[in-house]
Amino acid sequence: MPILAFIWVYADSKDPQKIIELSYSVFWLVLPSLAFFLILPFFLNLGIKFSISMLLSIIAMSAFYGAALWLYKLY
């Protein structure tokens, strides 16, 4: 889907700088969501119930989103 967003933004603005900014923001927002897919099976392999594993994974992902947002603002 980001590819469609890149095409749309470029067709609308013809501004490569907007594509650069969008690319960086997509990168920083994808990383925390990828962590979720590593953390959830980790908790499930530990034998933690699904609902608790899901909750802990969402909390961890939220923390990663906060860290990514903080790093993005520094960058």
Protein backbone atom coordinates (compact mmCIF):
# COMPACT_ATOMS: atom_id res chain seq x y z
CA MET A 1 0.00 0.00 0.00
CA PRO A 2 2.80 2.51 0.57
CA ILE A 3 3.63 2.24 -3.14
CA LEU A 4 0.16 3.52 -4.00
CA ALA A 5 0.62 6.32 -1.48
CA PHE A 6 3.95 7.27 -3.09
CA ILE A 7 2.37 7.37 -6.54
CA TRP A 8 -0.60 9.36 -5.26
CA VAL A 9 1.53 11.92 -3.40
CA TYR A 10 3.89 12.33 -6.35
CA ALA A 11 1.05 12.64 -8.88
CA ASP A 12 -0.59 15.22 -6.63
CA SER A 13 2.46 17.31 -5.76
CA LYS A 14 5.32 16.39 -8.15
CA ASP A 15 7.56 17.05 -5.13
CA PRO A 16 10.30 14.43 -4.54
CA GLN A 17 10.92 15.83 -1.05
CA LYS A 18 7.40 14.76 -0.02
CA ILE A 19 8.17 11.23 -1.22
CA ILE A 20 11.39 11.24 0.81
CA GLU A 21 9.53 12.32 3.94
CA LEU A 22 6.77 9.77 3.37
CA SER A 23 9.35 7.02 2.85
CA TYR A 24 11.07 7.80 6.14
CA SER A 25 7.80 7.96 8.04
CA VAL A 26 6.62 4.63 6.62
CA PHE A 27 9.94 3.05 7.60
CA TRP A 28 9.71 4.28 11.19
CA LEU A 29 6.11 3.10 11.50
CA VAL A 30 6.66 -0.38 10.04
CA LEU A 31 9.45 -1.37 12.44
CA PRO A 32 7.33 -1.36 15.60
CA SER A 33 4.60 -3.41 13.96
CA LEU A 34 7.17 -6.02 12.91
CA ALA A 35 8.19 -6.36 16.55
CA PHE A 36 4.64 -7.49 17.34
CA PHE A 37 5.03 -10.49 15.04
CA LEU A 38 8.17 -11.54 16.91
CA ILE A 39 6.90 -10.90 20.42
CA LEU A 40 3.53 -12.68 20.12
CA PRO A 41 4.97 -16.10 19.18
CA PHE A 42 7.67 -15.66 21.84
CA PHE A 43 5.04 -15.33 24.57
CA LEU A 44 2.97 -18.17 23.12
CA ASN A 45 6.05 -20.43 23.09
CA LEU A 46 6.51 -19.66 26.76
CA GLY A 47 3.06 -21.17 27.34
CA ILE A 48 1.33 -17.88 28.15
CA LYS A 49 -2.37 -17.85 27.27
CA PHE A 50 -3.30 -16.30 23.94
CA SER A 51 -5.27 -13.35 25.37
CA ILE A 52 -2.47 -12.40 27.75
CA SER A 53 0.16 -12.90 25.03
CA MET A 54 -1.85 -10.67 22.70
CA LEU A 55 -2.22 -7.97 25.36
CA LEU A 56 1.48 -8.04 26.24
CA SER A 57 2.43 -7.96 22.56
CA ILE A 58 0.18 -4.95 21.94
CA ILE A 59 1.67 -3.16 24.95
CA ALA A 60 5.20 -3.92 23.74
CA MET A 61 4.34 -2.79 20.21
CA SER A 62 2.90 0.44 21.62
CA ALA A 63 6.14 1.04 23.50
CA PHE A 64 8.09 0.42 20.28
CA TYR A 65 5.83 2.90 18.47
CA GLY A 66 6.56 5.49 21.16
CA ALA A 67 10.30 4.88 20.84
CA ALA A 68 10.13 5.04 17.04
CA LEU A 69 8.19 8.30 17.19
CA TRP A 70 10.77 9.72 19.58
CA LEU A 71 13.64 8.62 17.31
CA TYR A 72 11.85 9.97 14.24
CA LYS A 73 11.54 13.38 15.90
CA LEU A 74 15.26 13.32 16.74
CA TYR A 75 16.17 12.43 13.18
